[in-house]
Amino acid sequence: MQLTWKSLPFAQLDTQQLYQIIQLRIEVFVVEQNCPYQDLDDKDFQAIHLLGLAEDGRLAAYTRLLPKGVSYPAYASIGRVITAPFARGKGLGRPLMEQSLRLLFANFGHQPVKISAQAHLQEYYGSVGFVGVGDLYDEDGIPHRAMVYER
């Protein structure tokens, strides 16, 4: 599946893009994963939003990129990493993370990046260059592990 990548700060998202982002995040993180949590956490205002759009305009992949100090005092971060159900199994995960890292470095400078990875995805993030740090912990009822990228 070929995607068109768009990256925008919050203030430049149009209402349709914002709706697609919120809809996908709720569809997967809240409904599919049966995990009620407050998705809108004010960090979106400080983020660069990376949208991977399918040929028909649907949001197929997404991340939000945050500068150092927003999620972690000493790290920039990539969060809300998501591939839409219709786009899974099409090899989008690696390009999504590679594009996210390139864009984060272009906007915030080359620096260490920390993520909160769902535990079952550690191998995937490891294949992109992230290394697990610390023990597993519970986040909203789902096992997670901190992972850091320092290349």
C-alpha atoms as a PDB file:
ATOM      1  CA  MET A   1       0.000   0.000   0.000  1.00  0.00           C
ATOM      2  CA  GLN A   2       1.398   3.373  -1.023  1.00  0.00           C
ATOM      3  CA  LEU A   3       0.845   6.267   1.382  1.00  0.00           C
ATOM      4  CA  THR A   4       1.027  10.005   1.015  1.00  0.00           C
ATOM      5  CA  TRP A   5       2.688  11.499   4.084  1.00  0.00           C
ATOM      6  CA  LYS A   6       1.562  14.800   5.565  1.00  0.00           C
ATOM      7  CA  SER A   7       3.003  16.410   8.670  1.00  0.00           C
ATOM      8  CA  LEU A   8       1.400  19.348  10.371  1.00  0.00           C
ATOM      9  CA  PRO A   9       1.501  21.162  13.688  1.00  0.00           C
ATOM     10  CA  PHE A  10      -1.843  21.181  15.488  1.00  0.00           C
ATOM     11  CA  ALA A  11      -2.751  24.728  14.416  1.00  0.00           C
ATOM     12  CA  GLN A  12      -2.473  23.748  10.730  1.00  0.00           C
ATOM     13  CA  LEU A  13      -4.697  20.651  10.893  1.00  0.00           C
ATOM     14  CA  ASP A  14      -8.011  21.226   9.161  1.00  0.00           C
ATOM     15  CA  THR A  15     -11.222  19.962  10.729  1.00  0.00           C
ATOM     16  CA  GLN A  16     -11.379  16.877   8.493  1.00  0.00           C
ATOM     17  CA  GLN A  17      -7.801  15.865   9.359  1.00  0.00           C
ATOM     18  CA  LEU A  18      -8.417  16.407  13.071  1.00  0.00           C
ATOM     19  CA  TYR A  19     -11.634  14.383  12.885  1.00  0.00           C
ATOM     20  CA  GLN A  20      -9.833  11.502  11.117  1.00  0.00           C
ATOM     21  CA  ILE A  21      -7.081  11.506  13.771  1.00  0.00           C
ATOM     22  CA  ILE A  22      -9.464  11.500  16.717  1.00  0.00           C
ATOM     23  CA  GLN A  23     -11.750   8.935  15.080  1.00  0.00           C
ATOM     24  CA  LEU A  24      -8.872   6.508  14.414  1.00  0.00           C
ATOM     25  CA  ARG A  25      -7.335   6.929  17.857  1.00  0.00           C
ATOM     26  CA  ILE A  26     -10.664   6.237  19.551  1.00  0.00           C
ATOM     27  CA  GLU A  27     -11.492   3.345  17.184  1.00  0.00           C
ATOM     28  CA  VAL A  28      -8.272   1.508  18.037  1.00  0.00           C
ATOM     29  CA  PHE A  29      -7.041   2.654  21.441  1.00  0.00           C
ATOM     30  CA  VAL A  30     -10.410   2.968  23.172  1.00  0.00           C
ATOM     31  CA  VAL A  31     -12.889   0.674  21.374  1.00  0.00           C
ATOM     32  CA  GLU A  32     -10.752  -2.093  19.812  1.00  0.00           C
ATOM     33  CA  GLN A  33      -8.417  -2.371  22.798  1.00  0.00           C
ATOM     34  CA  ASN A  34     -11.335  -1.935  25.212  1.00  0.00           C
ATOM     35  CA  CYS A  35      -9.375   0.677  27.122  1.00  0.00           C
ATOM     36  CA  PRO A  36     -11.318   3.727  28.282  1.00  0.00           C
ATOM     37  CA  TYR A  37      -8.840   6.552  28.817  1.00  0.00           C
ATOM     38  CA  GLN A  38      -8.613  10.289  28.191  1.00  0.00           C
ATOM     39  CA  ASP A  39      -7.053  10.453  24.734  1.00  0.00           C
ATOM     40  CA  LEU A  40      -7.156  14.236  24.441  1.00  0.00           C
ATOM     41  CA  ASP A  41      -4.407  15.266  26.850  1.00  0.00           C
ATOM     42  CA  ASP A  42      -3.331  18.742  25.635  1.00  0.00           C
ATOM     43  CA  LYS A  43      -0.086  17.325  24.195  1.00  0.00           C
ATOM     44  CA  ASP A  44      -1.633  17.479  20.715  1.00  0.00           C
ATOM     45  CA  PHE A  45      -1.227  21.266  20.765  1.00  0.00           C
ATOM     46  CA  GLN A  46       2.578  20.890  20.979  1.00  0.00           C
ATOM     47  CA  ALA A  47       2.883  17.985  18.533  1.00  0.00           C
ATOM     48  CA  ILE A  48       3.776  17.543  14.923  1.00  0.00           C
ATOM     49  CA  HIS A  49       1.100  15.193  13.576  1.00  0.00           C
ATOM     50  CA  LEU A  50       2.210  12.685  10.938  1.00  0.00           C
ATOM     51  CA  LEU A  51      -0.586  11.377   8.739  1.00  0.00           C
ATOM     52  CA  GLY A  52      -0.159   8.517   6.292  1.00  0.00           C
ATOM     53  CA  LEU A  53      -3.023   8.779   3.824  1.00  0.00           C
ATOM     54  CA  ALA A  54      -4.221   5.978   1.558  1.00  0.00           C
ATOM     55  CA  GLU A  55      -4.999   6.695  -2.093  1.00  0.00           C
ATOM     56  CA  ASP A  56      -8.685   7.178  -1.237  1.00  0.00           C
ATOM     57  CA  GLY A  57      -7.831   9.793   1.416  1.00  0.00           C
ATOM     58  CA  ARG A  58      -8.468   7.594   4.456  1.00  0.00           C
ATOM     59  CA  LEU A  59      -6.068   7.867   7.369  1.00  0.00           C
ATOM     60  CA  ALA A  60      -4.080   4.627   7.252  1.00  0.00           C
ATOM     61  CA  ALA A  61      -1.226   5.389   9.670  1.00  0.00           C
ATOM     62  CA  TYR A  62      -0.504   8.077  12.238  1.00  0.00           C
ATOM     63  CA  THR A  63       1.900   9.249  14.949  1.00  0.00           C
ATOM     64  CA  ARG A  64       2.308  12.382  16.999  1.00  0.00           C
ATOM     65  CA  LEU A  65       5.798  13.722  17.547  1.00  0.00           C
ATOM     66  CA  LEU A  66       6.591  15.637  20.704  1.00  0.00           C
ATOM     67  CA  PRO A  67       9.583  17.790  21.586  1.00  0.00           C
ATOM     68  CA  LYS A  68      11.808  17.094  24.563  1.00  0.00           C
ATOM     69  CA  GLY A  69      10.134  17.871  27.852  1.00  0.00           C
ATOM     70  CA  VAL A  70       6.504  17.271  26.887  1.00  0.00           C
ATOM     71  CA  SER A  71       6.142  13.557  27.673  1.00  0.00           C
ATOM     72  CA  TYR A  72       9.586  12.963  29.198  1.00  0.00           C
ATOM     73  CA  PRO A  73      11.890  15.570  30.779  1.00  0.00           C
ATOM     74  CA  ALA A  74      15.035  14.412  28.948  1.00  0.00           C
ATOM     75  CA  TYR A  75      13.597  12.995  25.717  1.00  0.00           C
ATOM     76  CA  ALA A  76      11.613  13.840  22.628  1.00  0.00           C
ATOM     77  CA  SER A  77       8.928  11.245  21.969  1.00  0.00           C
ATOM     78  CA  ILE A  78       6.766   9.520  19.411  1.00  0.00           C
ATOM     79  CA  GLY A  79       3.315   8.543  20.546  1.00  0.00           C
ATOM     80  CA  ARG A  80      -0.134   7.421  19.469  1.00  0.00           C
ATOM     81  CA  VAL A  81       1.545   5.104  16.943  1.00  0.00           C
ATOM     82  CA  ILE A  82      -1.287   3.554  14.980  1.00  0.00           C
ATOM     83  CA  THR A  83      -2.134   1.711  11.798  1.00  0.00           C
ATOM     84  CA  ALA A  84      -5.799   1.639  10.820  1.00  0.00           C
ATOM     85  CA  PRO A  85      -7.465  -1.799  10.797  1.00  0.00           C
ATOM     86  CA  PHE A  86      -7.985  -1.654   7.005  1.00  0.00           C
ATOM     87  CA  ALA A  87      -4.261  -1.003   6.477  1.00  0.00           C
ATOM     88  CA  ARG A  88      -2.733  -3.633   8.764  1.00  0.00           C
ATOM     89  CA  GLY A  89      -0.543  -6.394   7.366  1.00  0.00           C
ATOM     90  CA  LYS A  90       0.584  -4.246   4.455  1.00  0.00           C
ATOM     91  CA  GLY A  91       4.079  -3.412   5.702  1.00  0.00           C
ATOM     92  CA  LEU A  92       3.319   0.113   6.924  1.00  0.00           C
ATOM     93  CA  GLY A  93       4.763  -0.141  10.451  1.00  0.00           C
ATOM     94  CA  ARG A  94       8.435   0.271   9.585  1.00  0.00           C
ATOM     95  CA  PRO A  95       7.896   3.146   7.109  1.00  0.00           C
ATOM     96  CA  LEU A  96       5.672   4.867   9.687  1.00  0.00           C
ATOM     97  CA  MET A  97       8.364   4.748  12.372  1.00  0.00           C
ATOM     98  CA  GLU A  98      11.192   5.630   9.974  1.00  0.00           C
ATOM     99  CA  GLN A  99       9.224   8.612   8.679  1.00  0.00           C
ATOM    100  CA  SER A 100       8.386   9.598  12.278  1.00  0.00           C
ATOM    101  CA  LEU A 101      12.047   9.572  13.316  1.00  0.00           C
ATOM    102  CA  ARG A 102      13.135  11.569  10.238  1.00  0.00           C
ATOM    103  CA  LEU A 103      10.444  14.151  10.841  1.00  0.00           C
ATOM    104  CA  LEU A 104      11.109  14.383  14.580  1.00  0.00           C
ATOM    105  CA  PHE A 105      14.821  14.998  13.945  1.00  0.00           C
ATOM    106  CA  ALA A 106      14.063  17.535  11.191  1.00  0.00           C
ATOM    107  CA  ASN A 107      11.771  19.511  13.497  1.00  0.00           C
ATOM    108  CA  PHE A 108      13.390  19.121  16.915  1.00  0.00           C
ATOM    109  CA  GLY A 109      17.012  18.182  16.157  1.00  0.00           C
ATOM    110  CA  HIS A 110      18.784  14.824  16.385  1.00  0.00           C
ATOM    111  CA  GLN A 111      18.402  13.592  19.954  1.00  0.00           C
ATOM    112  CA  PRO A 112      17.399  10.534  21.982  1.00  0.00           C
ATOM    113  CA  VAL A 113      13.744   9.538  21.608  1.00  0.00           C
ATOM    114  CA  LYS A 114      11.675   7.702  24.205  1.00  0.00           C
ATOM    115  CA  ILE A 115       8.430   5.813  23.676  1.00  0.00           C
ATOM    116  CA  SER A 116       6.001   3.909  25.859  1.00  0.00           C
ATOM    117  CA  ALA A 117       5.598   0.693  23.869  1.00  0.00           C
ATOM    118  CA  GLN A 118       2.923  -1.913  24.363  1.00  0.00           C
ATOM    119  CA  ALA A 119       4.883  -4.932  25.589  1.00  0.00           C
ATOM    120  CA  HIS A 120       3.823  -7.214  22.736  1.00  0.00           C
ATOM    121  CA  LEU A 121       5.337  -4.726  20.248  1.00  0.00           C
ATOM    122  CA  GLN A 122       8.852  -4.597  21.744  1.00  0.00           C
ATOM    123  CA  GLU A 123      10.354  -6.723  18.977  1.00  0.00           C
ATOM    124  CA  TYR A 124       8.815  -4.482  16.297  1.00  0.00           C
ATOM    125  CA  TYR A 125      10.191  -1.303  17.887  1.00  0.00           C
ATOM    126  CA  GLY A 126      13.504  -3.058  18.489  1.00  0.00           C
ATOM    127  CA  SER A 127      13.750  -3.782  14.759  1.00  0.00           C
ATOM    128  CA  VAL A 128      13.613  -0.022  14.134  1.00  0.00           C
ATOM    129  CA  GLY A 129      16.393   0.655  16.653  1.00  0.00           C
ATOM    130  CA  PHE A 130      14.618   1.191  19.968  1.00  0.00           C
ATOM    131  CA  VAL A 131      16.050  -0.525  23.062  1.00  0.00           C
ATOM    132  CA  GLY A 132      13.959  -1.482  26.081  1.00  0.00           C
ATOM    133  CA  VAL A 133      14.778   0.197  29.392  1.00  0.00           C
ATOM    134  CA  GLY A 134      13.449  -0.712  32.806  1.00  0.00           C
ATOM    135  CA  ASP A 135      10.745  -3.176  33.704  1.00  0.00           C
ATOM    136  CA  LEU A 136       7.295  -3.735  32.280  1.00  0.00           C
ATOM    137  CA  TYR A 137       4.596  -1.493  33.746  1.00  0.00           C
ATOM    138  CA  ASP A 138       0.844  -1.188  33.494  1.00  0.00           C
ATOM    139  CA  GLU A 139      -0.570   1.703  31.477  1.00  0.00           C
ATOM    140  CA  ASP A 140      -4.370   1.792  31.248  1.00  0.00           C
ATOM    141  CA  GLY A 141      -4.575  -1.954  31.864  1.00  0.00           C
ATOM    142  CA  ILE A 142      -2.073  -2.858  29.114  1.00  0.00           C
ATOM    143  CA  PRO A 143       1.533  -4.005  29.786  1.00  0.00           C
ATOM    144  CA  HIS A 144       4.046  -1.455  28.462  1.00  0.00           C
ATOM    145  CA  ARG A 145       7.795  -0.955  28.428  1.00  0.00           C
ATOM    146  CA  ALA A 146       9.819   2.204  27.998  1.00  0.00           C
ATOM    147  CA  MET A 147      12.069   2.087  24.945  1.00  0.00           C
ATOM    148  CA  VAL A 148      14.744   4.532  23.808  1.00  0.00           C
ATOM    149  CA  TYR A 149      16.240   5.310  20.381  1.00  0.00           C
ATOM    150  CA  GLU A 150      19.761   6.810  20.579  1.00  0.00           C
ATOM    151  CA  ARG A 151      21.323   6.321  17.139  1.00  0.00           C
END
